[in-house]
Amino acid sequence: TADQATAVIATLAKMGFKTAQHTRTGQARISPRQMHHVAKLWMEHPAVYAKTEEALNSFCKRITGVDKVAWLTAKQCSKLIKAIENLK
């Protein structure tokens, strides 16, 4: 029951166990429209030779530290777009 679960948690807390702290802020991922915009920039940029999704994801990993474009937050997406636009 809920009372028993609360009692177990209280007992564990007395023994020194701590509850896990959530470190993620829960920021929303980019929308499909934003992903399409990034992909279009990548495919049409004259300095990009490997115009593949794999190459884009590798570039994304190098710039933002995130493995896939689909997993970016809005702030990370802006950083990636600026990096693509600044390619020479």
PDB file of N, CA and C in Angstrom:
ATOM      1  N   THR A   1       0.843  -1.189   0.000  1.00  0.00           N
ATOM      2  CA  THR A   1       0.000   0.000   0.000  1.00  0.00           C
ATOM      3  C   THR A   1       0.878   1.238   0.000  1.00  0.00           C
ATOM      4  N   ALA A   2       0.247   2.380  -0.149  1.00  0.00           N
ATOM      5  CA  ALA A   2       0.982   3.639  -0.171  1.00  0.00           C
ATOM      6  C   ALA A   2       1.627   3.924   1.180  1.00  0.00           C
ATOM      7  N   ASP A   3       0.932   3.578   2.267  1.00  0.00           N
ATOM      8  CA  ASP A   3       1.490   3.810   3.603  1.00  0.00           C
ATOM      9  C   ASP A   3       2.734   2.960   3.833  1.00  0.00           C
ATOM     10  N   GLN A   4       2.703   1.727   3.359  1.00  0.00           N
ATOM     11  CA  GLN A   4       3.858   0.847   3.514  1.00  0.00           C
ATOM     12  C   GLN A   4       5.041   1.354   2.686  1.00  0.00           C
ATOM     13  N   ALA A   5       4.771   1.813   1.492  1.00  0.00           N
ATOM     14  CA  ALA A   5       5.831   2.350   0.645  1.00  0.00           C
ATOM     15  C   ALA A   5       6.461   3.576   1.282  1.00  0.00           C
ATOM     16  N   THR A   6       5.634   4.443   1.853  1.00  0.00           N
ATOM     17  CA  THR A   6       6.143   5.635   2.535  1.00  0.00           C
ATOM     18  C   THR A   6       6.994   5.236   3.726  1.00  0.00           C
ATOM     19  N   ALA A   7       6.569   4.213   4.470  1.00  0.00           N
ATOM     20  CA  ALA A   7       7.327   3.747   5.628  1.00  0.00           C
ATOM     21  C   ALA A   7       8.679   3.181   5.205  1.00  0.00           C
ATOM     22  N   VAL A   8       8.710   2.426   4.113  1.00  0.00           N
ATOM     23  CA  VAL A   8       9.968   1.871   3.612  1.00  0.00           C
ATOM     24  C   VAL A   8      10.911   2.991   3.194  1.00  0.00           C
ATOM     25  N   ILE A   9      10.397   3.981   2.488  1.00  0.00           N
ATOM     26  CA  ILE A   9      11.223   5.110   2.049  1.00  0.00           C
ATOM     27  C   ILE A   9      11.762   5.872   3.248  1.00  0.00           C
ATOM     28  N   ALA A  10      10.934   6.086   4.265  1.00  0.00           N
ATOM     29  CA  ALA A  10      11.376   6.789   5.473  1.00  0.00           C
ATOM     30  C   ALA A  10      12.463   5.996   6.189  1.00  0.00           C
ATOM     31  N   THR A  11      12.306   4.682   6.272  1.00  0.00           N
ATOM     32  CA  THR A  11      13.308   3.833   6.919  1.00  0.00           C
ATOM     33  C   THR A  11      14.627   3.878   6.151  1.00  0.00           C
ATOM     34  N   LEU A  12      14.553   3.790   4.841  1.00  0.00           N
ATOM     35  CA  LEU A  12      15.768   3.863   4.030  1.00  0.00           C
ATOM     36  C   LEU A  12      16.445   5.224   4.172  1.00  0.00           C
ATOM     37  N   ALA A  13      15.667   6.287   4.251  1.00  0.00           N
ATOM     38  CA  ALA A  13      16.229   7.625   4.427  1.00  0.00           C
ATOM     39  C   ALA A  13      16.962   7.723   5.760  1.00  0.00           C
ATOM     40  N   LYS A  14      16.423   7.115   6.811  1.00  0.00           N
ATOM     41  CA  LYS A  14      17.083   7.115   8.121  1.00  0.00           C
ATOM     42  C   LYS A  14      18.405   6.352   8.067  1.00  0.00           C
ATOM     43  N   MET A  15      18.473   5.355   7.185  1.00  0.00           N
ATOM     44  CA  MET A  15      19.687   4.553   7.040  1.00  0.00           C
ATOM     45  C   MET A  15      20.729   5.247   6.161  1.00  0.00           C
ATOM     46  N   GLY A  16      20.387   6.392   5.590  1.00  0.00           N
ATOM     47  CA  GLY A  16      21.355   7.155   4.810  1.00  0.00           C
ATOM     48  C   GLY A  16      21.121   7.176   3.315  1.00  0.00           C
ATOM     49  N   PHE A  17      20.134   6.457   2.831  1.00  0.00           N
ATOM     50  CA  PHE A  17      19.837   6.481   1.403  1.00  0.00           C
ATOM     51  C   PHE A  17      19.190   7.812   1.029  1.00  0.00           C
ATOM     52  N   LYS A  18      19.532   8.276  -0.162  1.00  0.00           N
ATOM     53  CA  LYS A  18      18.968   9.530  -0.649  1.00  0.00           C
ATOM     54  C   LYS A  18      18.210   9.260  -1.940  1.00  0.00           C
ATOM     55  N   THR A  19      17.165  10.038  -2.161  1.00  0.00           N
ATOM     56  CA  THR A  19      16.424   9.898  -3.410  1.00  0.00           C
ATOM     57  C   THR A  19      17.222  10.532  -4.540  1.00  0.00           C
ATOM     58  N   ALA A  20      17.054  10.004  -5.728  1.00  0.00           N
ATOM     59  CA  ALA A  20      17.786  10.504  -6.887  1.00  0.00           C
ATOM     60  C   ALA A  20      17.304  11.903  -7.237  1.00  0.00           C
ATOM     61  N   GLN A  21      18.252  12.757  -7.568  1.00  0.00           N
ATOM     62  CA  GLN A  21      17.923  14.104  -8.003  1.00  0.00           C
ATOM     63  C   GLN A  21      17.893  14.114  -9.527  1.00  0.00           C
ATOM     64  N   HIS A  22      16.844  14.638 -10.090  1.00  0.00           N
ATOM     65  CA  HIS A  22      16.736  14.728 -11.542  1.00  0.00           C
ATOM     66  C   HIS A  22      17.556  15.918 -12.009  1.00  0.00           C
ATOM     67  N   THR A  23      18.475  15.665 -12.928  1.00  0.00           N
ATOM     68  CA  THR A  23      19.359  16.723 -13.402  1.00  0.00           C
ATOM     69  C   THR A  23      18.901  17.336 -14.721  1.00  0.00           C
ATOM     70  N   ARG A  24      18.060  16.661 -15.452  1.00  0.00           N
ATOM     71  CA  ARG A  24      17.609  17.198 -16.738  1.00  0.00           C
ATOM     72  C   ARG A  24      16.508  18.231 -16.520  1.00  0.00           C
ATOM     73  N   THR A  25      16.531  19.236 -17.353  1.00  0.00           N
ATOM     74  CA  THR A  25      15.545  20.303 -17.226  1.00  0.00           C
ATOM     75  C   THR A  25      14.271  20.007 -18.005  1.00  0.00           C
ATOM     76  N   GLY A  26      14.290  18.993 -18.831  1.00  0.00           N
ATOM     77  CA  GLY A  26      13.098  18.641 -19.591  1.00  0.00           C
ATOM     78  C   GLY A  26      12.815  19.586 -20.747  1.00  0.00           C
ATOM     79  N   GLN A  27      13.866  20.150 -21.320  1.00  0.00           N
ATOM     80  CA  GLN A  27      13.668  21.062 -22.441  1.00  0.00           C
ATOM     81  C   GLN A  27      13.122  20.293 -23.641  1.00  0.00           C
ATOM     82  N   ALA A  28      12.254  20.934 -24.368  1.00  0.00           N
ATOM     83  CA  ALA A  28      11.610  20.301 -25.520  1.00  0.00           C
ATOM     84  C   ALA A  28      12.603  20.124 -26.665  1.00  0.00           C
ATOM     85  N   ARG A  29      12.399  19.101 -27.427  1.00  0.00           N
ATOM     86  CA  ARG A  29      13.212  18.841 -28.615  1.00  0.00           C
ATOM     87  C   ARG A  29      12.697  19.700 -29.764  1.00  0.00           C
ATOM     88  N   ILE A  30      13.500  19.795 -30.815  1.00  0.00           N
ATOM     89  CA  ILE A  30      13.095  20.624 -31.948  1.00  0.00           C
ATOM     90  C   ILE A  30      11.952  19.948 -32.707  1.00  0.00           C
ATOM     91  N   SER A  31      11.205  20.753 -33.418  1.00  0.00           N
ATOM     92  CA  SER A  31      10.046  20.263 -34.173  1.00  0.00           C
ATOM     93  C   SER A  31      10.506  19.661 -35.508  1.00  0.00           C
ATOM     94  N   PRO A  32       9.649  18.889 -36.150  1.00  0.00           N
ATOM     95  CA  PRO A  32       9.987  18.353 -37.476  1.00  0.00           C
ATOM     96  C   PRO A  32      10.293  19.464 -38.487  1.00  0.00           C
ATOM     97  N   ARG A  33       9.612  20.577 -38.357  1.00  0.00           N
ATOM     98  CA  ARG A  33       9.866  21.703 -39.264  1.00  0.00           C
ATOM     99  C   ARG A  33      11.290  22.243 -39.081  1.00  0.00           C
ATOM    100  N   GLN A  34      11.736  22.341 -37.825  1.00  0.00           N
ATOM    101  CA  GLN A  34      13.097  22.805 -37.562  1.00  0.00           C
ATOM    102  C   GLN A  34      14.124  21.794 -38.078  1.00  0.00           C
ATOM    103  N   MET A  35      13.833  20.500 -37.900  1.00  0.00           N
ATOM    104  CA  MET A  35      14.740  19.467 -38.418  1.00  0.00           C
ATOM    105  C   MET A  35      14.853  19.567 -39.937  1.00  0.00           C
ATOM    106  N   HIS A  36      13.730  19.807 -40.597  1.00  0.00           N
ATOM    107  CA  HIS A  36      13.730  19.954 -42.053  1.00  0.00           C
ATOM    108  C   HIS A  36      14.565  21.166 -42.463  1.00  0.00           C
ATOM    109  N   HIS A  37      14.455  22.253 -41.710  1.00  0.00           N
ATOM    110  CA  HIS A  37      15.221  23.467 -42.011  1.00  0.00           C
ATOM    111  C   HIS A  37      16.724  23.190 -41.914  1.00  0.00           C
ATOM    112  N   VAL A  38      17.136  22.509 -40.851  1.00  0.00           N
ATOM    113  CA  VAL A  38      18.554  22.180 -40.673  1.00  0.00           C
ATOM    114  C   VAL A  38      19.028  21.275 -41.809  1.00  0.00           C
ATOM    115  N   ALA A  39      18.239  20.261 -42.139  1.00  0.00           N
ATOM    116  CA  ALA A  39      18.617  19.338 -43.211  1.00  0.00           C
ATOM    117  C   ALA A  39      18.720  20.060 -44.552  1.00  0.00           C
ATOM    118  N   LYS A  40      17.803  20.974 -44.812  1.00  0.00           N
ATOM    119  CA  LYS A  40      17.823  21.730 -46.066  1.00  0.00           C
ATOM    120  C   LYS A  40      19.071  22.613 -46.138  1.00  0.00           C
ATOM    121  N   LEU A  41      19.393  23.284 -45.031  1.00  0.00           N
ATOM    122  CA  LEU A  41      20.618  24.091 -44.998  1.00  0.00           C
ATOM    123  C   LEU A  41      21.836  23.225 -45.305  1.00  0.00           C
ATOM    124  N   TRP A  42      21.871  22.055 -44.689  1.00  0.00           N
ATOM    125  CA  TRP A  42      23.004  21.142 -44.866  1.00  0.00           C
ATOM    126  C   TRP A  42      23.116  20.680 -46.321  1.00  0.00           C
ATOM    127  N   MET A  43      22.005  20.281 -46.888  1.00  0.00           N
ATOM    128  CA  MET A  43      22.019  19.734 -48.244  1.00  0.00           C
ATOM    129  C   MET A  43      22.330  20.784 -49.307  1.00  0.00           C
ATOM    130  N   GLU A  44      21.965  22.034 -49.048  1.00  0.00           N
ATOM    131  CA  GLU A  44      22.139  23.079 -50.056  1.00  0.00           C
ATOM    132  C   GLU A  44      23.389  23.930 -49.860  1.00  0.00           C
ATOM    133  N   HIS A  45      24.110  23.734 -48.763  1.00  0.00           N
ATOM    134  CA  HIS A  45      25.288  24.567 -48.510  1.00  0.00           C
ATOM    135  C   HIS A  45      26.423  24.149 -49.445  1.00  0.00           C
ATOM    136  N   PRO A  46      27.037  25.108 -50.143  1.00  0.00           N
ATOM    137  CA  PRO A  46      28.074  24.757 -51.122  1.00  0.00           C
ATOM    138  C   PRO A  46      29.348  24.179 -50.502  1.00  0.00           C
ATOM    139  N   ALA A  47      29.617  24.443 -49.238  1.00  0.00           N
ATOM    140  CA  ALA A  47      30.836  23.943 -48.609  1.00  0.00           C
ATOM    141  C   ALA A  47      30.691  22.511 -48.095  1.00  0.00           C
ATOM    142  N   VAL A  48      29.491  21.981 -48.123  1.00  0.00           N
ATOM    143  CA  VAL A  48      29.253  20.622 -47.629  1.00  0.00           C
ATOM    144  C   VAL A  48      29.408  19.641 -48.786  1.00  0.00           C
ATOM    145  N   TYR A  49      30.343  18.700 -48.635  1.00  0.00           N
ATOM    146  CA  TYR A  49      30.576  17.719 -49.690  1.00  0.00           C
ATOM    147  C   TYR A  49      29.778  16.439 -49.456  1.00  0.00           C
ATOM    148  N   ALA A  50      29.706  15.998 -48.209  1.00  0.00           N
ATOM    149  CA  ALA A  50      28.957  14.777 -47.878  1.00  0.00           C
ATOM    150  C   ALA A  50      27.547  15.185 -47.470  1.00  0.00           C
ATOM    151  N   LYS A  51      26.652  15.184 -48.397  1.00  0.00           N
ATOM    152  CA  LYS A  51      25.286  15.661 -48.152  1.00  0.00           C
ATOM    153  C   LYS A  51      24.382  14.507 -47.730  1.00  0.00           C
ATOM    154  N   THR A  52      24.763  13.857 -46.625  1.00  0.00           N
ATOM    155  CA  THR A  52      23.996  12.727 -46.106  1.00  0.00           C
ATOM    156  C   THR A  52      23.548  13.017 -44.678  1.00  0.00           C
ATOM    157  N   GLU A  53      22.553  12.272 -44.241  1.00  0.00           N
ATOM    158  CA  GLU A  53      22.071  12.423 -42.865  1.00  0.00           C
ATOM    159  C   GLU A  53      23.153  12.000 -41.874  1.00  0.00           C
ATOM    160  N   GLU A  54      23.910  10.981 -42.235  1.00  0.00           N
ATOM    161  CA  GLU A  54      24.995  10.510 -41.370  1.00  0.00           C
ATOM    162  C   GLU A  54      26.054  11.602 -41.185  1.00  0.00           C
ATOM    163  N   ALA A  55      26.404  12.287 -42.264  1.00  0.00           N
ATOM    164  CA  ALA A  55      27.381  13.369 -42.179  1.00  0.00           C
ATOM    165  C   ALA A  55      26.835  14.526 -41.342  1.00  0.00           C
ATOM    166  N   LEU A  56      25.559  14.832 -41.516  1.00  0.00           N
ATOM    167  CA  LEU A  56      24.932  15.896 -40.727  1.00  0.00           C
ATOM    168  C   LEU A  56      24.949  15.543 -39.245  1.00  0.00           C
ATOM    169  N   ASN A  57      24.619  14.294 -38.912  1.00  0.00           N
ATOM    170  CA  ASN A  57      24.633  13.879 -37.513  1.00  0.00           C
ATOM    171  C   ASN A  57      26.046  13.906 -36.932  1.00  0.00           C
ATOM    172  N   SER A  58      27.050  13.565 -37.732  1.00  0.00           N
ATOM    173  CA  SER A  58      28.440  13.647 -37.271  1.00  0.00           C
ATOM    174  C   SER A  58      28.833  15.094 -36.996  1.00  0.00           C
ATOM    175  N   PHE A  59      28.438  15.986 -37.887  1.00  0.00           N
ATOM    176  CA  PHE A  59      28.710  17.412 -37.694  1.00  0.00           C
ATOM    177  C   PHE A  59      27.986  17.922 -36.451  1.00  0.00           C
ATOM    178  N   CYS A  60      26.747  17.488 -36.282  1.00  0.00           N
ATOM    179  CA  CYS A  60      25.950  17.860 -35.111  1.00  0.00           C
ATOM    180  C   CYS A  60      26.653  17.419 -33.831  1.00  0.00           C
ATOM    181  N   LYS A  61      27.175  16.192 -33.818  1.00  0.00           N
ATOM    182  CA  LYS A  61      27.885  15.659 -32.651  1.00  0.00           C
ATOM    183  C   LYS A  61      29.115  16.504 -32.352  1.00  0.00           C
ATOM    184  N   ARG A  62      29.849  16.891 -33.391  1.00  0.00           N
ATOM    185  CA  ARG A  62      31.065  17.675 -33.197  1.00  0.00           C
ATOM    186  C   ARG A  62      30.762  19.077 -32.670  1.00  0.00           C
ATOM    187  N   ILE A  63      29.690  19.688 -33.148  1.00  0.00           N
ATOM    188  CA  ILE A  63      29.364  21.062 -32.769  1.00  0.00           C
ATOM    189  C   ILE A  63      28.638  21.136 -31.430  1.00  0.00           C
ATOM    190  N   THR A  64      27.657  20.260 -31.217  1.00  0.00           N
ATOM    191  CA  THR A  64      26.800  20.378 -30.027  1.00  0.00           C
ATOM    192  C   THR A  64      27.042  19.313 -28.971  1.00  0.00           C
ATOM    193  N   GLY A  65      27.682  18.203 -29.364  1.00  0.00           N
ATOM    194  CA  GLY A  65      27.860  17.101 -28.431  1.00  0.00           C
ATOM    195  C   GLY A  65      26.670  16.158 -28.382  1.00  0.00           C
ATOM    196  N   VAL A  66      25.674  16.393 -29.232  1.00  0.00           N
ATOM    197  CA  VAL A  66      24.465  15.561 -29.294  1.00  0.00           C
ATOM    198  C   VAL A  66      24.563  14.686 -30.542  1.00  0.00           C
ATOM    199  N   ASP A  67      24.263  13.397 -30.397  1.00  0.00           N
ATOM    200  CA  ASP A  67      24.467  12.437 -31.481  1.00  0.00           C
ATOM    201  C   ASP A  67      23.582  12.637 -32.703  1.00  0.00           C
ATOM    202  N   LYS A  68      22.367  13.099 -32.528  1.00  0.00           N
ATOM    203  CA  LYS A  68      21.438  13.223 -33.662  1.00  0.00           C
ATOM    204  C   LYS A  68      20.744  14.579 -33.644  1.00  0.00           C
ATOM    205  N   VAL A  69      20.468  15.092 -34.821  1.00  0.00           N
ATOM    206  CA  VAL A  69      19.781  16.378 -34.951  1.00  0.00           C
ATOM    207  C   VAL A  69      18.414  16.320 -34.278  1.00  0.00           C
ATOM    208  N   ALA A  70      17.747  15.186 -34.366  1.00  0.00           N
ATOM    209  CA  ALA A  70      16.398  15.041 -33.802  1.00  0.00           C
ATOM    210  C   ALA A  70      16.378  15.201 -32.283  1.00  0.00           C
ATOM    211  N   TRP A  71      17.516  15.040 -31.635  1.00  0.00           N
ATOM    212  CA  TRP A  71      17.577  15.115 -30.174  1.00  0.00           C
ATOM    213  C   TRP A  71      17.956  16.503 -29.659  1.00  0.00           C
ATOM    214  N   LEU A  72      18.148  17.468 -30.539  1.00  0.00           N
ATOM    215  CA  LEU A  72      18.582  18.809 -30.134  1.00  0.00           C
ATOM    216  C   LEU A  72      17.477  19.591 -29.441  1.00  0.00           C
ATOM    217  N   THR A  73      17.891  20.500 -28.562  1.00  0.00           N
ATOM    218  CA  THR A  73      16.971  21.490 -28.013  1.00  0.00           C
ATOM    219  C   THR A  73      17.012  22.695 -28.945  1.00  0.00           C
ATOM    220  N   ALA A  74      16.134  23.640 -28.727  1.00  0.00           N
ATOM    221  CA  ALA A  74      16.083  24.829 -29.590  1.00  0.00           C
ATOM    222  C   ALA A  74      17.402  25.603 -29.539  1.00  0.00           C
ATOM    223  N   LYS A  75      17.985  25.718 -28.361  1.00  0.00           N
ATOM    224  CA  LYS A  75      19.247  26.456 -28.208  1.00  0.00           C
ATOM    225  C   LYS A  75      20.379  25.756 -28.965  1.00  0.00           C
ATOM    226  N   GLN A  76      20.440  24.435 -28.856  1.00  0.00           N
ATOM    227  CA  GLN A  76      21.463  23.675 -29.565  1.00  0.00           C
ATOM    228  C   GLN A  76      21.242  23.742 -31.070  1.00  0.00           C
ATOM    229  N   CYS A  77      19.983  23.759 -31.489  1.00  0.00           N
ATOM    230  CA  CYS A  77      19.657  23.852 -32.910  1.00  0.00           C
ATOM    231  C   CYS A  77      20.150  25.182 -33.480  1.00  0.00           C
ATOM    232  N   SER A  78      19.965  26.251 -32.735  1.00  0.00           N
ATOM    233  CA  SER A  78      20.449  27.564 -33.179  1.00  0.00           C
ATOM    234  C   SER A  78      21.960  27.550 -33.349  1.00  0.00           C
ATOM    235  N   LYS A  79      22.648  26.912 -32.418  1.00  0.00           N
ATOM    236  CA  LYS A  79      24.106  26.805 -32.489  1.00  0.00           C
ATOM    237  C   LYS A  79      24.524  26.031 -33.737  1.00  0.00           C
ATOM    238  N   LEU A  80      23.815  24.953 -34.038  1.00  0.00           N
ATOM    239  CA  LEU A  80      24.121  24.141 -35.213  1.00  0.00           C
ATOM    240  C   LEU A  80      23.856  24.915 -36.503  1.00  0.00           C
ATOM    241  N   ILE A  81      22.755  25.632 -36.563  1.00  0.00           N
ATOM    242  CA  ILE A  81      22.428  26.424 -37.756  1.00  0.00           C
ATOM    243  C   ILE A  81      23.499  27.475 -38.009  1.00  0.00           C
ATOM    244  N   LYS A  82      23.935  28.166 -36.966  1.00  0.00           N
ATOM    245  CA  LYS A  82      24.994  29.172 -37.124  1.00  0.00           C
ATOM    246  C   LYS A  82      26.281  28.533 -37.618  1.00  0.00           C
ATOM    247  N   ALA A  83      26.598  27.344 -37.104  1.00  0.00           N
ATOM    248  CA  ALA A  83      27.814  26.654 -37.534  1.00  0.00           C
ATOM    249  C   ALA A  83      27.733  26.260 -39.006  1.00  0.00           C
ATOM    250  N   ILE A  84      26.583  25.790 -39.449  1.00  0.00           N
ATOM    251  CA  ILE A  84      26.417  25.421 -40.865  1.00  0.00           C
ATOM    252  C   ILE A  84      26.539  26.660 -41.743  1.00  0.00           C
ATOM    253  N   GLU A  85      25.909  27.748 -41.328  1.00  0.00           N
ATOM    254  CA  GLU A  85      25.956  28.981 -42.118  1.00  0.00           C
ATOM    255  C   GLU A  85      27.371  29.548 -42.199  1.00  0.00           C
ATOM    256  N   ASN A  86      28.205  29.296 -41.189  1.00  0.00           N
ATOM    257  CA  ASN A  86      29.566  29.832 -41.164  1.00  0.00           C
ATOM    258  C   ASN A  86      30.591  28.924 -41.828  1.00  0.00           C
ATOM    259  N   LEU A  87      30.163  27.796 -42.393  1.00  0.00           N
ATOM    260  CA  LEU A  87      31.098  26.923 -43.105  1.00  0.00           C
ATOM    261  C   LEU A  87      31.649  27.640 -44.326  1.00  0.00           C
ATOM    262  N   LYS A  88      32.915  27.389 -44.619  1.00  0.00           N
ATOM    263  CA  LYS A  88      33.538  28.025 -45.786  1.00  0.00           C
ATOM    264  C   LYS A  88      34.060  26.986 -46.731  1.00  0.00           C
TER     265      LYS A  88
END
